[in-house]
Amino acid sequence: MKKTLKTFLALILCAMFCVGVCACGDKSDDKGSSENNSVGDEIADDIFD
Protein backbone atom coordinates (compact mmCIF):
# COMPACT_ATOMS: atom_id res chain seq x y z
CA MET A 1 0.00 0.00 0.00
CA LYS A 2 2.77 2.45 0.91
CA LYS A 3 4.67 1.70 -2.29
CA THR A 4 1.57 2.38 -4.37
CA LEU A 5 0.94 5.65 -2.55
CA LYS A 6 4.56 6.76 -3.00
CA THR A 7 4.44 5.92 -6.70
CA PHE A 8 1.17 7.79 -7.13
CA LEU A 9 2.48 10.86 -5.29
CA ALA A 10 5.70 10.77 -7.34
CA LEU A 11 3.69 10.75 -10.57
CA ILE A 12 1.50 13.63 -9.35
CA LEU A 13 4.58 15.67 -8.38
CA CYS A 14 6.20 14.93 -11.74
CA ALA A 15 3.07 16.06 -13.57
CA MET A 16 2.88 19.26 -11.51
CA PHE A 17 6.56 19.95 -12.21
CA CYS A 18 6.01 19.51 -15.96
CA VAL A 19 3.00 21.83 -15.91
CA GLY A 20 4.96 24.42 -13.94
CA VAL A 21 7.90 24.31 -16.32
CA CYS A 22 5.63 24.65 -19.33
CA ALA A 23 3.73 27.55 -17.78
CA CYS A 24 6.82 29.44 -16.66
CA GLY A 25 8.86 28.61 -19.73
CA ASP A 26 6.71 30.64 -22.11
CA LYS A 27 9.00 33.34 -23.40
CA SER A 28 8.22 35.69 -26.24
CA ASP A 29 10.91 37.07 -28.51
CA ASP A 30 9.53 40.60 -28.26
CA LYS A 31 12.09 42.72 -26.43
CA GLY A 32 9.83 45.76 -26.23
CA SER A 33 11.23 49.17 -25.60
CA SER A 34 14.21 49.57 -23.32
CA GLU A 35 12.10 51.77 -21.05
CA ASN A 36 10.00 48.76 -20.05
CA ASN A 37 13.01 46.51 -19.35
CA SER A 38 14.90 46.92 -16.13
CA VAL A 39 18.66 46.46 -15.88
CA GLY A 40 18.15 43.12 -14.10
CA ASP A 41 15.95 41.88 -16.94
CA GLU A 42 18.58 42.86 -19.51
CA ILE A 43 21.32 41.06 -17.57
CA ALA A 44 19.15 37.96 -17.17
CA ASP A 45 18.37 37.99 -20.89
CA ASP A 46 22.09 38.17 -21.69
CA ILE A 47 22.89 35.29 -19.35
CA PHE A 48 20.09 32.93 -20.36
CA ASP A 49 19.97 33.59 -24.12
PDB file of N, CA and C in Angstrom:
ATOM      1  N   MET A   1       0.820  -1.197   0.000  1.00  0.00           N
ATOM      2  CA  MET A   1       0.000   0.000   0.000  1.00  0.00           C
ATOM      3  C   MET A   1       0.862   1.258   0.000  1.00  0.00           C
ATOM      4  N   LYS A   2       1.909   1.271   0.835  1.00  0.00           N
ATOM      5  CA  LYS A   2       2.770   2.449   0.908  1.00  0.00           C
ATOM      6  C   LYS A   2       3.518   2.673  -0.396  1.00  0.00           C
ATOM      7  N   LYS A   3       3.936   1.568  -1.031  1.00  0.00           N
ATOM      8  CA  LYS A   3       4.666   1.700  -2.290  1.00  0.00           C
ATOM      9  C   LYS A   3       3.762   2.283  -3.378  1.00  0.00           C
ATOM     10  N   THR A   4       2.520   1.863  -3.403  1.00  0.00           N
ATOM     11  CA  THR A   4       1.567   2.381  -4.375  1.00  0.00           C
ATOM     12  C   THR A   4       1.317   3.862  -4.141  1.00  0.00           C
ATOM     13  N   LEU A   5       1.176   4.248  -2.890  1.00  0.00           N
ATOM     14  CA  LEU A   5       0.940   5.650  -2.550  1.00  0.00           C
ATOM     15  C   LEU A   5       2.151   6.504  -2.931  1.00  0.00           C
ATOM     16  N   LYS A   6       3.347   6.015  -2.642  1.00  0.00           N
ATOM     17  CA  LYS A   6       4.562   6.758  -2.998  1.00  0.00           C
ATOM     18  C   LYS A   6       4.679   6.912  -4.510  1.00  0.00           C
ATOM     19  N   THR A   7       4.376   5.859  -5.244  1.00  0.00           N
ATOM     20  CA  THR A   7       4.438   5.922  -6.701  1.00  0.00           C
ATOM     21  C   THR A   7       3.418   6.917  -7.241  1.00  0.00           C
ATOM     22  N   PHE A   8       2.209   6.870  -6.697  1.00  0.00           N
ATOM     23  CA  PHE A   8       1.165   7.789  -7.130  1.00  0.00           C
ATOM     24  C   PHE A   8       1.559   9.232  -6.835  1.00  0.00           C
ATOM     25  N   LEU A   9       2.069   9.507  -5.651  1.00  0.00           N
ATOM     26  CA  LEU A   9       2.485  10.857  -5.295  1.00  0.00           C
ATOM     27  C   LEU A   9       3.661  11.324  -6.163  1.00  0.00           C
ATOM     28  N   ALA A  10       4.570  10.418  -6.472  1.00  0.00           N
ATOM     29  CA  ALA A  10       5.699  10.769  -7.340  1.00  0.00           C
ATOM     30  C   ALA A  10       5.207  11.148  -8.740  1.00  0.00           C
ATOM     31  N   LEU A  11       4.236  10.428  -9.254  1.00  0.00           N
ATOM     32  CA  LEU A  11       3.685  10.747 -10.566  1.00  0.00           C
ATOM     33  C   LEU A  11       2.943  12.081 -10.551  1.00  0.00           C
ATOM     34  N   ILE A  12       2.214  12.355  -9.481  1.00  0.00           N
ATOM     35  CA  ILE A  12       1.505  13.630  -9.350  1.00  0.00           C
ATOM     36  C   ILE A  12       2.508  14.781  -9.276  1.00  0.00           C
ATOM     37  N   LEU A  13       3.563  14.633  -8.486  1.00  0.00           N
ATOM     38  CA  LEU A  13       4.583  15.670  -8.384  1.00  0.00           C
ATOM     39  C   LEU A  13       5.289  15.887  -9.714  1.00  0.00           C
ATOM     40  N   CYS A  14       5.557  14.824 -10.422  1.00  0.00           N
ATOM     41  CA  CYS A  14       6.197  14.933 -11.739  1.00  0.00           C
ATOM     42  C   CYS A  14       5.290  15.688 -12.710  1.00  0.00           C
ATOM     43  N   ALA A  15       4.010  15.378 -12.694  1.00  0.00           N
ATOM     44  CA  ALA A  15       3.067  16.060 -13.567  1.00  0.00           C
ATOM     45  C   ALA A  15       2.977  17.539 -13.224  1.00  0.00           C
ATOM     46  N   MET A  16       2.940  17.855 -11.936  1.00  0.00           N
ATOM     47  CA  MET A  16       2.879  19.261 -11.507  1.00  0.00           C
ATOM     48  C   MET A  16       4.147  20.000 -11.911  1.00  0.00           C
ATOM     49  N   PHE A  17       5.290  19.341 -11.797  1.00  0.00           N
ATOM     50  CA  PHE A  17       6.555  19.952 -12.209  1.00  0.00           C
ATOM     51  C   PHE A  17       6.538  20.255 -13.699  1.00  0.00           C
ATOM     52  N   CYS A  18       6.070  19.300 -14.504  1.00  0.00           N
ATOM     53  CA  CYS A  18       6.011  19.510 -15.958  1.00  0.00           C
ATOM     54  C   CYS A  18       5.078  20.658 -16.311  1.00  0.00           C
ATOM     55  N   VAL A  19       3.936  20.737 -15.654  1.00  0.00           N
ATOM     56  CA  VAL A  19       2.996  21.827 -15.908  1.00  0.00           C
ATOM     57  C   VAL A  19       3.625  23.161 -15.516  1.00  0.00           C
ATOM     58  N   GLY A  20       4.315  23.192 -14.389  1.00  0.00           N
ATOM     59  CA  GLY A  20       4.961  24.423 -13.938  1.00  0.00           C
ATOM     60  C   GLY A  20       6.056  24.887 -14.883  1.00  0.00           C
ATOM     61  N   VAL A  21       6.834  23.957 -15.381  1.00  0.00           N
ATOM     62  CA  VAL A  21       7.904  24.306 -16.317  1.00  0.00           C
ATOM     63  C   VAL A  21       7.319  24.827 -17.626  1.00  0.00           C
ATOM     64  N   CYS A  22       6.271  24.189 -18.089  1.00  0.00           N
ATOM     65  CA  CYS A  22       5.634  24.646 -19.332  1.00  0.00           C
ATOM     66  C   CYS A  22       5.007  26.024 -19.151  1.00  0.00           C
ATOM     67  N   ALA A  23       4.395  26.264 -18.014  1.00  0.00           N
ATOM     68  CA  ALA A  23       3.735  27.548 -17.778  1.00  0.00           C
ATOM     69  C   ALA A  23       4.750  28.673 -17.608  1.00  0.00           C
ATOM     70  N   CYS A  24       5.824  28.403 -16.919  1.00  0.00           N
ATOM     71  CA  CYS A  24       6.825  29.443 -16.660  1.00  0.00           C
ATOM     72  C   CYS A  24       7.847  29.558 -17.781  1.00  0.00           C
ATOM     73  N   GLY A  25       7.879  28.601 -18.662  1.00  0.00           N
ATOM     74  CA  GLY A  25       8.861  28.611 -19.726  1.00  0.00           C
ATOM     75  C   GLY A  25       8.423  29.371 -20.955  1.00  0.00           C
ATOM     76  N   ASP A  26       7.205  29.897 -20.949  1.00  0.00           N
ATOM     77  CA  ASP A  26       6.707  30.641 -22.112  1.00  0.00           C
ATOM     78  C   ASP A  26       7.436  31.971 -22.194  1.00  0.00           C
ATOM     79  N   LYS A  27       8.231  32.123 -23.244  1.00  0.00           N
ATOM     80  CA  LYS A  27       9.004  33.342 -23.403  1.00  0.00           C
ATOM     81  C   LYS A  27       8.794  33.870 -24.810  1.00  0.00           C
ATOM     82  N   SER A  28       8.390  35.108 -24.923  1.00  0.00           N
ATOM     83  CA  SER A  28       8.217  35.694 -26.238  1.00  0.00           C
ATOM     84  C   SER A  28       9.525  36.341 -26.667  1.00  0.00           C
ATOM     85  N   ASP A  29       9.696  36.473 -27.967  1.00  0.00           N
ATOM     86  CA  ASP A  29      10.913  37.070 -28.506  1.00  0.00           C
ATOM     87  C   ASP A  29      10.832  38.584 -28.585  1.00  0.00           C
ATOM     88  N   ASP A  30       9.691  39.147 -28.218  1.00  0.00           N
ATOM     89  CA  ASP A  30       9.532  40.596 -28.259  1.00  0.00           C
ATOM     90  C   ASP A  30      10.316  41.224 -27.112  1.00  0.00           C
ATOM     91  N   LYS A  31      11.288  42.054 -27.456  1.00  0.00           N
ATOM     92  CA  LYS A  31      12.090  42.718 -26.435  1.00  0.00           C
ATOM     93  C   LYS A  31      11.368  43.934 -25.879  1.00  0.00           C
ATOM     94  N   GLY A  32      10.514  44.562 -26.677  1.00  0.00           N
ATOM     95  CA  GLY A  32       9.831  45.761 -26.234  1.00  0.00           C
ATOM     96  C   GLY A  32      10.799  46.925 -26.203  1.00  0.00           C
ATOM     97  N   SER A  33      10.340  48.020 -25.696  1.00  0.00           N
ATOM     98  CA  SER A  33      11.231  49.175 -25.599  1.00  0.00           C
ATOM     99  C   SER A  33      12.133  49.023 -24.390  1.00  0.00           C
ATOM    100  N   SER A  34      13.266  49.692 -24.428  1.00  0.00           N
ATOM    101  CA  SER A  34      14.210  49.573 -23.319  1.00  0.00           C
ATOM    102  C   SER A  34      13.685  50.262 -22.067  1.00  0.00           C
ATOM    103  N   GLU A  35      12.685  51.116 -22.215  1.00  0.00           N
ATOM    104  CA  GLU A  35      12.102  51.774 -21.048  1.00  0.00           C
ATOM    105  C   GLU A  35      11.355  50.774 -20.177  1.00  0.00           C
ATOM    106  N   ASN A  36      10.778  49.745 -20.792  1.00  0.00           N
ATOM    107  CA  ASN A  36      10.003  48.763 -20.047  1.00  0.00           C
ATOM    108  C   ASN A  36      10.885  47.689 -19.414  1.00  0.00           C
ATOM    109  N   ASN A  37      12.110  47.540 -19.887  1.00  0.00           N
ATOM    110  CA  ASN A  37      13.006  46.513 -19.355  1.00  0.00           C
ATOM    111  C   ASN A  37      13.915  47.116 -18.298  1.00  0.00           C
ATOM    112  N   SER A  38      13.989  46.462 -17.167  1.00  0.00           N
ATOM    113  CA  SER A  38      14.899  46.924 -16.128  1.00  0.00           C
ATOM    114  C   SER A  38      16.300  46.389 -16.410  1.00  0.00           C
ATOM    115  N   VAL A  39      17.276  46.899 -15.692  1.00  0.00           N
ATOM    116  CA  VAL A  39      18.660  46.461 -15.879  1.00  0.00           C
ATOM    117  C   VAL A  39      18.787  44.985 -15.533  1.00  0.00           C
ATOM    118  N   GLY A  40      18.106  44.539 -14.487  1.00  0.00           N
ATOM    119  CA  GLY A  40      18.152  43.125 -14.102  1.00  0.00           C
ATOM    120  C   GLY A  40      17.599  42.225 -15.182  1.00  0.00           C
ATOM    121  N   ASP A  41      16.522  42.666 -15.847  1.00  0.00           N
ATOM    122  CA  ASP A  41      15.952  41.875 -16.937  1.00  0.00           C
ATOM    123  C   ASP A  41      16.927  41.785 -18.101  1.00  0.00           C
ATOM    124  N   GLU A  42      17.606  42.873 -18.409  1.00  0.00           N
ATOM    125  CA  GLU A  42      18.579  42.858 -19.511  1.00  0.00           C
ATOM    126  C   GLU A  42      19.740  41.930 -19.199  1.00  0.00           C
ATOM    127  N   ILE A  43      20.215  41.943 -17.963  1.00  0.00           N
ATOM    128  CA  ILE A  43      21.316  41.056 -17.569  1.00  0.00           C
ATOM    129  C   ILE A  43      20.868  39.610 -17.627  1.00  0.00           C
ATOM    130  N   ALA A  44      19.666  39.335 -17.126  1.00  0.00           N
ATOM    131  CA  ALA A  44      19.150  37.958 -17.167  1.00  0.00           C
ATOM    132  C   ALA A  44      18.974  37.494 -18.601  1.00  0.00           C
ATOM    133  N   ASP A  45      18.507  38.363 -19.488  1.00  0.00           N
ATOM    134  CA  ASP A  45      18.374  37.991 -20.888  1.00  0.00           C
ATOM    135  C   ASP A  45      19.725  37.667 -21.502  1.00  0.00           C
ATOM    136  N   ASP A  46      20.749  38.424 -21.156  1.00  0.00           N
ATOM    137  CA  ASP A  46      22.086  38.173 -21.685  1.00  0.00           C
ATOM    138  C   ASP A  46      22.635  36.845 -21.178  1.00  0.00           C
ATOM    139  N   ILE A  47      22.356  36.526 -19.930  1.00  0.00           N
ATOM    140  CA  ILE A  47      22.888  35.294 -19.345  1.00  0.00           C
ATOM    141  C   ILE A  47      22.186  34.069 -19.921  1.00  0.00           C
ATOM    142  N   PHE A  48      20.850  34.107 -20.011  1.00  0.00           N
ATOM    143  CA  PHE A  48      20.091  32.927 -20.357  1.00  0.00           C
ATOM    144  C   PHE A  48      19.812  32.773 -21.847  1.00  0.00           C
ATOM    145  N   ASP A  49      20.185  33.729 -22.668  1.00  0.00           N
ATOM    146  CA  ASP A  49      19.975  33.588 -24.117  1.00  0.00           C
ATOM    147  C   ASP A  49      21.149  32.995 -24.806  1.00  0.00           C
TER     148      ASP A  49
END
